[in-house]
């Protein structure tokens, strides 16, 4: 994936709108987690709609804007929301946002999402560090790319150093951070009980509808990446009842306090 002029154009828009300094870290905030940006000072906000090439997600709980400023002592760029494959039909929907990050020097990237749990010790309201992922959907954001760079190795796709730093931050902040393997389902329908049983058999601990395409793109652009799931529900058929998007959003919002503590500790030591 050659450096695309649209990446520089998007970066230029940010600079014109006040992103005038370094970016120490970038955060993508998933469903219900956007209020973490409330802790930011000297904040500049830019709607996704104002940035060339940016996709416009339409999920409730996503503000669909960038925030740049000082967060816990570091210069941070926050994506309040993302575009999902189920909205666009394009697994590379986040190509321009992540390519734009490469134009800013490829700062470390922390992704967050709302996820269902398949493990009894990963309960709703808790956090889980993603150690690896399973993608058997078929779509891949690098399909149609050219050159040998598209053959991205995915060993340690979730950067071991960033994961270690996040675990240390969780321990020092008192945040309850488990870990597990994440399996991507395209959505927007939730998983069936049979699909959950399959995911467990294949070694998944978490299921969700995002993150994996972004990790693949980030690695293509040479961006170090880690990801944290906010556990919003148990997988279908594990406890009875059925997951609902409103429940997912509300549980994620309630769990954001622990994530804030974790980010405070992580960024202060970055």
C-alpha atoms as a PDB file:
ATOM      1  CA  UNK A   1       0.000   0.000   0.000  1.00  0.00           C
ATOM      2  CA  UNK A   2       1.960   2.983  -1.272  1.00  0.00           C
ATOM      3  CA  UNK A   3       1.792   6.277   0.569  1.00  0.00           C
ATOM      4  CA  UNK A   4      -1.414   7.775  -0.722  1.00  0.00           C
ATOM      5  CA  UNK A   5      -1.910  11.487  -1.340  1.00  0.00           C
ATOM      6  CA  UNK A   6      -5.186  11.261   0.574  1.00  0.00           C
ATOM      7  CA  UNK A   7      -3.247  10.441   3.749  1.00  0.00           C
ATOM      8  CA  UNK A   8      -1.269  13.670   3.466  1.00  0.00           C
ATOM      9  CA  UNK A   9      -4.419  15.592   2.578  1.00  0.00           C
ATOM     10  CA  UNK A  10      -6.172  14.268   5.682  1.00  0.00           C
ATOM     11  CA  UNK A  11      -3.119  15.068   7.818  1.00  0.00           C
ATOM     12  CA  UNK A  12      -3.017  18.567   6.332  1.00  0.00           C
ATOM     13  CA  UNK A  13      -6.638  19.122   7.333  1.00  0.00           C
ATOM     14  CA  UNK A  14      -5.788  18.213  10.931  1.00  0.00           C
ATOM     15  CA  UNK A  15      -2.844  20.611  10.926  1.00  0.00           C
ATOM     16  CA  UNK A  16      -5.017  23.383   9.495  1.00  0.00           C
ATOM     17  CA  UNK A  17      -7.617  22.718  12.216  1.00  0.00           C
ATOM     18  CA  UNK A  18      -5.125  22.993  15.091  1.00  0.00           C
ATOM     19  CA  UNK A  19      -3.286  19.675  15.405  1.00  0.00           C
ATOM     20  CA  UNK A  20      -0.021  21.561  15.552  1.00  0.00           C
ATOM     21  CA  UNK A  21       2.222  19.365  17.692  1.00  0.00           C
ATOM     22  CA  UNK A  22       3.442  15.825  18.159  1.00  0.00           C
ATOM     23  CA  UNK A  23       1.167  12.831  18.693  1.00  0.00           C
ATOM     24  CA  UNK A  24       2.493  10.644  21.501  1.00  0.00           C
ATOM     25  CA  UNK A  25      -0.328   8.103  21.227  1.00  0.00           C
ATOM     26  CA  UNK A  26      -3.576   7.560  19.336  1.00  0.00           C
ATOM     27  CA  UNK A  27      -6.714   6.005  20.830  1.00  0.00           C
ATOM     28  CA  UNK A  28      -9.749   4.589  19.033  1.00  0.00           C
ATOM     29  CA  UNK A  29     -12.720   4.639  21.403  1.00  0.00           C
ATOM     30  CA  UNK A  30     -15.422   2.061  20.757  1.00  0.00           C
ATOM     31  CA  UNK A  31     -19.121   1.979  21.585  1.00  0.00           C
ATOM     32  CA  UNK A  32     -19.987   3.859  24.783  1.00  0.00           C
ATOM     33  CA  UNK A  33     -16.388   4.881  25.529  1.00  0.00           C
ATOM     34  CA  UNK A  34     -16.177   8.314  23.920  1.00  0.00           C
ATOM     35  CA  UNK A  35     -16.369  10.223  27.214  1.00  0.00           C
ATOM     36  CA  UNK A  36     -12.789   9.307  28.022  1.00  0.00           C
ATOM     37  CA  UNK A  37     -12.011  12.399  25.951  1.00  0.00           C
ATOM     38  CA  UNK A  38     -13.638  14.491  28.713  1.00  0.00           C
ATOM     39  CA  UNK A  39     -10.321  14.324  30.595  1.00  0.00           C
ATOM     40  CA  UNK A  40      -8.482  16.049  27.738  1.00  0.00           C
ATOM     41  CA  UNK A  41      -7.265  19.650  28.065  1.00  0.00           C
ATOM     42  CA  UNK A  42      -6.419  22.189  25.332  1.00  0.00           C
ATOM     43  CA  UNK A  43      -8.693  20.110  23.127  1.00  0.00           C
ATOM     44  CA  UNK A  44      -9.292  20.594  19.417  1.00  0.00           C
ATOM     45  CA  UNK A  45     -12.239  18.677  17.910  1.00  0.00           C
ATOM     46  CA  UNK A  46     -12.664  17.879  14.217  1.00  0.00           C
ATOM     47  CA  UNK A  47     -15.725  16.074  12.813  1.00  0.00           C
ATOM     48  CA  UNK A  48     -14.942  13.049  10.668  1.00  0.00           C
ATOM     49  CA  UNK A  49     -17.065  14.706   7.973  1.00  0.00           C
ATOM     50  CA  UNK A  50     -14.507  17.534   7.683  1.00  0.00           C
ATOM     51  CA  UNK A  51     -11.568  15.226   6.923  1.00  0.00           C
ATOM     52  CA  UNK A  52     -10.980  14.034   3.337  1.00  0.00           C
ATOM     53  CA  UNK A  53     -11.410  10.306   2.913  1.00  0.00           C
ATOM     54  CA  UNK A  54     -12.724   9.642   6.411  1.00  0.00           C
ATOM     55  CA  UNK A  55     -15.596   7.151   6.667  1.00  0.00           C
ATOM     56  CA  UNK A  56     -18.754   8.167   8.475  1.00  0.00           C
ATOM     57  CA  UNK A  57     -19.908   5.511  10.916  1.00  0.00           C
ATOM     58  CA  UNK A  58     -23.521   5.647  12.037  1.00  0.00           C
ATOM     59  CA  UNK A  59     -23.556   3.643  15.282  1.00  0.00           C
ATOM     60  CA  UNK A  60     -25.197   5.124  18.380  1.00  0.00           C
ATOM     61  CA  UNK A  61     -22.591   5.714  21.068  1.00  0.00           C
ATOM     62  CA  UNK A  62     -20.025   7.026  18.538  1.00  0.00           C
ATOM     63  CA  UNK A  63     -19.518  10.810  18.308  1.00  0.00           C
ATOM     64  CA  UNK A  64     -17.705  10.503  14.949  1.00  0.00           C
ATOM     65  CA  UNK A  65     -15.043  13.113  15.609  1.00  0.00           C
ATOM     66  CA  UNK A  66     -11.331  13.465  16.339  1.00  0.00           C
ATOM     67  CA  UNK A  67     -10.090  15.073  19.532  1.00  0.00           C
ATOM     68  CA  UNK A  68      -6.516  16.307  19.928  1.00  0.00           C
ATOM     69  CA  UNK A  69      -5.010  17.684  23.098  1.00  0.00           C
ATOM     70  CA  UNK A  70      -3.273  16.786  26.330  1.00  0.00           C
ATOM     71  CA  UNK A  71      -4.496  13.657  28.076  1.00  0.00           C
ATOM     72  CA  UNK A  72      -2.809  12.686  31.336  1.00  0.00           C
ATOM     73  CA  UNK A  73       0.342  14.575  30.372  1.00  0.00           C
ATOM     74  CA  UNK A  74       0.715  13.338  26.787  1.00  0.00           C
ATOM     75  CA  UNK A  75      -0.346  14.692  23.406  1.00  0.00           C
ATOM     76  CA  UNK A  76      -3.028  12.291  22.256  1.00  0.00           C
ATOM     77  CA  UNK A  77      -5.229  11.953  19.186  1.00  0.00           C
ATOM     78  CA  UNK A  78      -8.572  10.332  20.008  1.00  0.00           C
ATOM     79  CA  UNK A  79     -10.919   8.804  17.458  1.00  0.00           C
ATOM     80  CA  UNK A  80     -14.390   9.014  18.988  1.00  0.00           C
ATOM     81  CA  UNK A  81     -15.833   6.189  16.948  1.00  0.00           C
ATOM     82  CA  UNK A  82     -14.860   4.106  13.935  1.00  0.00           C
ATOM     83  CA  UNK A  83     -16.390   2.751  10.742  1.00  0.00           C
ATOM     84  CA  UNK A  84     -17.354  -0.910  10.887  1.00  0.00           C
ATOM     85  CA  UNK A  85     -17.394  -3.412   8.052  1.00  0.00           C
ATOM     86  CA  UNK A  86     -21.119  -3.936   8.622  1.00  0.00           C
ATOM     87  CA  UNK A  87     -21.777  -0.249   7.902  1.00  0.00           C
ATOM     88  CA  UNK A  88     -19.702   0.093   4.753  1.00  0.00           C
ATOM     89  CA  UNK A  89     -19.192  -3.387   3.307  1.00  0.00           C
ATOM     90  CA  UNK A  90     -15.524  -2.390   3.068  1.00  0.00           C
ATOM     91  CA  UNK A  91     -13.003  -4.126   5.357  1.00  0.00           C
ATOM     92  CA  UNK A  92     -10.557  -1.291   4.577  1.00  0.00           C
ATOM     93  CA  UNK A  93     -12.977   1.418   5.742  1.00  0.00           C
ATOM     94  CA  UNK A  94     -10.391   2.661   8.280  1.00  0.00           C
ATOM     95  CA  UNK A  95      -7.579   2.806   5.716  1.00  0.00           C
ATOM     96  CA  UNK A  96      -7.442   6.610   5.483  1.00  0.00           C
ATOM     97  CA  UNK A  97      -7.564   7.254   9.264  1.00  0.00           C
ATOM     98  CA  UNK A  98      -4.732   4.800   9.874  1.00  0.00           C
ATOM     99  CA  UNK A  99      -2.785   5.901   6.808  1.00  0.00           C
ATOM    100  CA  UNK A 100      -3.085   9.448   8.123  1.00  0.00           C
ATOM    101  CA  UNK A 101      -1.483   8.302  11.389  1.00  0.00           C
ATOM    102  CA  UNK A 102       1.474   7.028   9.394  1.00  0.00           C
ATOM    103  CA  UNK A 103       1.829  10.555   7.970  1.00  0.00           C
ATOM    104  CA  UNK A 104       2.193  11.773  11.579  1.00  0.00           C
ATOM    105  CA  UNK A 105       5.074   9.393  12.251  1.00  0.00           C
ATOM    106  CA  UNK A 106       3.110   6.246  13.185  1.00  0.00           C
ATOM    107  CA  UNK A 107       2.497   6.875  16.903  1.00  0.00           C
ATOM    108  CA  UNK A 108       1.490   3.851  18.992  1.00  0.00           C
ATOM    109  CA  UNK A 109      -2.191   3.027  18.642  1.00  0.00           C
ATOM    110  CA  UNK A 110      -4.524   1.667  21.325  1.00  0.00           C
ATOM    111  CA  UNK A 111      -7.836   0.315  20.081  1.00  0.00           C
ATOM    112  CA  UNK A 112     -10.856  -0.266  22.297  1.00  0.00           C
ATOM    113  CA  UNK A 113     -14.067  -2.125  21.613  1.00  0.00           C
ATOM    114  CA  UNK A 114     -17.160  -3.588  23.200  1.00  0.00           C
ATOM    115  CA  UNK A 115     -17.005  -7.384  23.210  1.00  0.00           C
ATOM    116  CA  UNK A 116     -18.871 -10.460  24.310  1.00  0.00           C
ATOM    117  CA  UNK A 117     -17.102 -12.879  26.636  1.00  0.00           C
ATOM    118  CA  UNK A 118     -16.827 -16.649  26.316  1.00  0.00           C
ATOM    119  CA  UNK A 119     -14.877 -17.086  29.575  1.00  0.00           C
ATOM    120  CA  UNK A 120     -16.477 -17.283  33.030  1.00  0.00           C
ATOM    121  CA  UNK A 121     -13.728 -15.109  34.541  1.00  0.00           C
ATOM    122  CA  UNK A 122     -14.224 -12.304  31.993  1.00  0.00           C
ATOM    123  CA  UNK A 123     -17.465 -10.789  33.233  1.00  0.00           C
ATOM    124  CA  UNK A 124     -19.545  -7.880  31.915  1.00  0.00           C
ATOM    125  CA  UNK A 125     -18.105  -4.572  33.089  1.00  0.00           C
ATOM    126  CA  UNK A 126     -14.535  -5.891  33.054  1.00  0.00           C
ATOM    127  CA  UNK A 127     -11.631  -5.236  30.695  1.00  0.00           C
ATOM    128  CA  UNK A 128      -9.607  -7.684  28.613  1.00  0.00           C
ATOM    129  CA  UNK A 129      -6.325  -7.161  26.782  1.00  0.00           C
ATOM    130  CA  UNK A 130      -6.403  -8.825  23.364  1.00  0.00           C
ATOM    131  CA  UNK A 131      -3.444 -11.173  22.873  1.00  0.00           C
ATOM    132  CA  UNK A 132      -4.294 -12.458  19.384  1.00  0.00           C
ATOM    133  CA  UNK A 133      -7.240 -12.746  17.037  1.00  0.00           C
ATOM    134  CA  UNK A 134      -9.115 -15.174  14.799  1.00  0.00           C
ATOM    135  CA  UNK A 135     -10.466 -13.963  11.453  1.00  0.00           C
ATOM    136  CA  UNK A 136     -12.365 -16.588   9.472  1.00  0.00           C
ATOM    137  CA  UNK A 137     -14.835 -14.149   7.918  1.00  0.00           C
ATOM    138  CA  UNK A 138     -13.187 -13.921   4.517  1.00  0.00           C
ATOM    139  CA  UNK A 139     -12.875 -10.105   4.214  1.00  0.00           C
ATOM    140  CA  UNK A 140      -9.363  -8.723   4.645  1.00  0.00           C
ATOM    141  CA  UNK A 141      -8.502  -5.015   4.289  1.00  0.00           C
ATOM    142  CA  UNK A 142      -5.392  -5.805   2.233  1.00  0.00           C
ATOM    143  CA  UNK A 143      -7.232  -7.613  -0.568  1.00  0.00           C
ATOM    144  CA  UNK A 144      -6.537  -5.621  -3.740  1.00  0.00           C
ATOM    145  CA  UNK A 145      -3.363  -4.074  -2.334  1.00  0.00           C
ATOM    146  CA  UNK A 146      -0.264  -4.362  -4.520  1.00  0.00           C
ATOM    147  CA  UNK A 147       3.349  -5.263  -3.848  1.00  0.00           C
ATOM    148  CA  UNK A 148       4.999  -7.600  -1.406  1.00  0.00           C
ATOM    149  CA  UNK A 149       4.123  -5.358   1.536  1.00  0.00           C
ATOM    150  CA  UNK A 150       0.596  -6.743   1.553  1.00  0.00           C
ATOM    151  CA  UNK A 151       1.913 -10.045   2.917  1.00  0.00           C
ATOM    152  CA  UNK A 152       1.919  -8.750   6.468  1.00  0.00           C
ATOM    153  CA  UNK A 153       3.213 -11.120   9.172  1.00  0.00           C
ATOM    154  CA  UNK A 154       0.718 -11.320  12.021  1.00  0.00           C
ATOM    155  CA  UNK A 155       2.921 -12.878  14.696  1.00  0.00           C
ATOM    156  CA  UNK A 156       2.841 -10.463  17.647  1.00  0.00           C
ATOM    157  CA  UNK A 157       0.351  -8.285  15.777  1.00  0.00           C
ATOM    158  CA  UNK A 158      -0.689  -7.025  19.224  1.00  0.00           C
ATOM    159  CA  UNK A 159       2.587  -5.419  20.243  1.00  0.00           C
ATOM    160  CA  UNK A 160       4.175  -7.273  23.197  1.00  0.00           C
ATOM    161  CA  UNK A 161       5.802  -4.125  24.599  1.00  0.00           C
ATOM    162  CA  UNK A 162       2.551  -2.154  24.570  1.00  0.00           C
ATOM    163  CA  UNK A 163       0.728  -5.103  26.127  1.00  0.00           C
ATOM    164  CA  UNK A 164       3.309  -5.284  28.911  1.00  0.00           C
ATOM    165  CA  UNK A 165       2.961  -1.546  29.558  1.00  0.00           C
ATOM    166  CA  UNK A 166      -0.830  -1.827  29.674  1.00  0.00           C
ATOM    167  CA  UNK A 167      -0.648  -4.727  32.132  1.00  0.00           C
ATOM    168  CA  UNK A 168       1.679  -2.729  34.379  1.00  0.00           C
ATOM    169  CA  UNK A 169      -0.663   0.256  34.138  1.00  0.00           C
ATOM    170  CA  UNK A 170      -3.621  -1.921  35.110  1.00  0.00           C
ATOM    171  CA  UNK A 171      -1.767  -3.276  38.126  1.00  0.00           C
ATOM    172  CA  UNK A 172      -0.717   0.171  39.326  1.00  0.00           C
ATOM    173  CA  UNK A 173      -4.151   1.736  38.747  1.00  0.00           C
ATOM    174  CA  UNK A 174      -6.214  -1.086  40.216  1.00  0.00           C
ATOM    175  CA  UNK A 175      -8.041  -1.689  36.931  1.00  0.00           C
ATOM    176  CA  UNK A 176      -9.244  -5.263  36.482  1.00  0.00           C
ATOM    177  CA  UNK A 177      -7.602  -6.322  33.201  1.00  0.00           C
ATOM    178  CA  UNK A 178      -7.920  -9.886  31.957  1.00  0.00           C
ATOM    179  CA  UNK A 179      -6.716 -11.086  28.580  1.00  0.00           C
ATOM    180  CA  UNK A 180      -7.817 -13.323  25.754  1.00  0.00           C
ATOM    181  CA  UNK A 181      -8.087 -14.139  22.061  1.00  0.00           C
ATOM    182  CA  UNK A 182     -10.642 -12.090  20.090  1.00  0.00           C
ATOM    183  CA  UNK A 183     -12.691 -13.528  17.234  1.00  0.00           C
ATOM    184  CA  UNK A 184     -14.092 -11.121  14.665  1.00  0.00           C
ATOM    185  CA  UNK A 185     -17.667 -11.536  13.443  1.00  0.00           C
ATOM    186  CA  UNK A 186     -18.809  -9.070  10.809  1.00  0.00           C
ATOM    187  CA  UNK A 187     -22.179  -8.244  12.405  1.00  0.00           C
ATOM    188  CA  UNK A 188     -24.470  -6.404  12.549  1.00  0.00           C
ATOM    189  CA  UNK A 189     -26.453  -9.379  13.815  1.00  0.00           C
ATOM    190  CA  UNK A 190     -25.150 -10.821  17.066  1.00  0.00           C
ATOM    191  CA  UNK A 191     -23.672 -14.314  17.117  1.00  0.00           C
ATOM    192  CA  UNK A 192     -25.851 -17.407  17.422  1.00  0.00           C
ATOM    193  CA  UNK A 193     -25.357 -19.855  20.306  1.00  0.00           C
ATOM    194  CA  UNK A 194     -23.932 -22.343  17.777  1.00  0.00           C
ATOM    195  CA  UNK A 195     -21.412 -19.752  16.567  1.00  0.00           C
ATOM    196  CA  UNK A 196     -20.401 -19.068  20.157  1.00  0.00           C
ATOM    197  CA  UNK A 197     -19.802 -22.783  20.733  1.00  0.00           C
ATOM    198  CA  UNK A 198     -17.710 -22.870  17.552  1.00  0.00           C
ATOM    199  CA  UNK A 199     -15.691 -19.835  18.662  1.00  0.00           C
ATOM    200  CA  UNK A 200     -14.922 -21.477  22.012  1.00  0.00           C
ATOM    201  CA  UNK A 201     -13.834 -24.672  20.262  1.00  0.00           C
ATOM    202  CA  UNK A 202     -11.470 -22.669  18.048  1.00  0.00           C
ATOM    203  CA  UNK A 203      -9.857 -21.002  21.061  1.00  0.00           C
ATOM    204  CA  UNK A 204     -11.619 -17.640  21.220  1.00  0.00           C
ATOM    205  CA  UNK A 205     -12.258 -15.910  24.540  1.00  0.00           C
ATOM    206  CA  UNK A 206     -13.936 -12.771  23.153  1.00  0.00           C
ATOM    207  CA  UNK A 207     -16.179 -11.974  20.199  1.00  0.00           C
ATOM    208  CA  UNK A 208     -16.930  -8.666  18.529  1.00  0.00           C
ATOM    209  CA  UNK A 209     -17.603  -6.749  15.317  1.00  0.00           C
ATOM    210  CA  UNK A 210     -14.539  -4.506  14.918  1.00  0.00           C
ATOM    211  CA  UNK A 211     -10.811  -4.135  15.616  1.00  0.00           C
ATOM    212  CA  UNK A 212      -9.358  -6.937  13.468  1.00  0.00           C
ATOM    213  CA  UNK A 213      -9.390  -4.967  10.172  1.00  0.00           C
ATOM    214  CA  UNK A 214      -7.797  -2.014  11.986  1.00  0.00           C
ATOM    215  CA  UNK A 215      -5.049  -4.184  13.445  1.00  0.00           C
ATOM    216  CA  UNK A 216      -4.231  -5.602  10.009  1.00  0.00           C
ATOM    217  CA  UNK A 217      -4.115  -2.101   8.502  1.00  0.00           C
ATOM    218  CA  UNK A 218      -2.035  -0.758  11.386  1.00  0.00           C
ATOM    219  CA  UNK A 219       0.545  -3.497  10.911  1.00  0.00           C
ATOM    220  CA  UNK A 220       0.595  -2.775   7.166  1.00  0.00           C
ATOM    221  CA  UNK A 221       1.468   0.839   7.958  1.00  0.00           C
ATOM    222  CA  UNK A 222       4.115  -0.108  10.524  1.00  0.00           C
ATOM    223  CA  UNK A 223       2.060   1.164  13.475  1.00  0.00           C
ATOM    224  CA  UNK A 224       2.512  -0.610  16.804  1.00  0.00           C
ATOM    225  CA  UNK A 225      -0.923  -1.516  18.118  1.00  0.00           C
ATOM    226  CA  UNK A 226      -2.625  -2.950  21.191  1.00  0.00           C
ATOM    227  CA  UNK A 227      -6.318  -3.465  21.886  1.00  0.00           C
ATOM    228  CA  UNK A 228      -8.561  -3.591  24.948  1.00  0.00           C
ATOM    229  CA  UNK A 229     -12.069  -5.035  25.030  1.00  0.00           C
ATOM    230  CA  UNK A 230     -14.702  -3.782  27.427  1.00  0.00           C
ATOM    231  CA  UNK A 231     -16.776  -6.850  28.283  1.00  0.00           C
ATOM    232  CA  UNK A 232     -20.413  -5.894  27.769  1.00  0.00           C
ATOM    233  CA  UNK A 233     -22.174  -9.280  27.709  1.00  0.00           C
ATOM    234  CA  UNK A 234     -21.661 -13.016  27.809  1.00  0.00           C
ATOM    235  CA  UNK A 235     -21.831 -14.812  24.472  1.00  0.00           C
ATOM    236  CA  UNK A 236     -25.237 -15.964  23.233  1.00  0.00           C
ATOM    237  CA  UNK A 237     -26.436 -19.125  24.935  1.00  0.00           C
ATOM    238  CA  UNK A 238     -23.994 -18.967  27.851  1.00  0.00           C
ATOM    239  CA  UNK A 239     -26.243 -17.335  30.453  1.00  0.00           C
ATOM    240  CA  UNK A 240     -29.660 -17.163  28.830  1.00  0.00           C
ATOM    241  CA  UNK A 241     -31.165 -14.056  27.319  1.00  0.00           C
ATOM    242  CA  UNK A 242     -29.895 -12.323  24.200  1.00  0.00           C
ATOM    243  CA  UNK A 243     -27.382  -9.469  23.799  1.00  0.00           C
ATOM    244  CA  UNK A 244     -28.789  -6.089  22.760  1.00  0.00           C
ATOM    245  CA  UNK A 245     -26.949  -3.069  21.325  1.00  0.00           C
ATOM    246  CA  UNK A 246     -28.428  -0.721  23.931  1.00  0.00           C
ATOM    247  CA  UNK A 247     -27.187  -2.999  26.700  1.00  0.00           C
ATOM    248  CA  UNK A 248     -23.757  -3.121  25.072  1.00  0.00           C
ATOM    249  CA  UNK A 249     -23.566   0.670  24.939  1.00  0.00           C
ATOM    250  CA  UNK A 250     -24.760   1.172  28.522  1.00  0.00           C
ATOM    251  CA  UNK A 251     -22.409  -1.407  30.057  1.00  0.00           C
ATOM    252  CA  UNK A 252     -19.461   0.023  28.112  1.00  0.00           C
ATOM    253  CA  UNK A 253     -20.259   3.522  29.349  1.00  0.00           C
ATOM    254  CA  UNK A 254     -20.401   2.307  32.951  1.00  0.00           C
ATOM    255  CA  UNK A 255     -17.101   0.437  32.538  1.00  0.00           C
ATOM    256  CA  UNK A 256     -15.271   3.457  31.147  1.00  0.00           C
ATOM    257  CA  UNK A 257     -14.224   4.550  34.665  1.00  0.00           C
ATOM    258  CA  UNK A 258     -11.816   1.631  34.953  1.00  0.00           C
ATOM    259  CA  UNK A 259     -10.514   2.280  31.455  1.00  0.00           C
ATOM    260  CA  UNK A 260      -9.872   5.906  32.355  1.00  0.00           C
ATOM    261  CA  UNK A 261      -7.785   4.828  35.353  1.00  0.00           C
ATOM    262  CA  UNK A 262      -5.824   2.443  33.179  1.00  0.00           C
ATOM    263  CA  UNK A 263      -5.152   5.087  30.515  1.00  0.00           C
ATOM    264  CA  UNK A 264      -4.098   7.619  33.149  1.00  0.00           C
ATOM    265  CA  UNK A 265      -1.432   5.241  34.413  1.00  0.00           C
ATOM    266  CA  UNK A 266      -0.404   4.054  30.935  1.00  0.00           C
ATOM    267  CA  UNK A 267      -0.031   7.510  29.401  1.00  0.00           C
ATOM    268  CA  UNK A 268       1.768   8.992  32.392  1.00  0.00           C
ATOM    269  CA  UNK A 269       4.506   6.370  31.947  1.00  0.00           C
ATOM    270  CA  UNK A 270       4.561   6.316  28.132  1.00  0.00           C
END
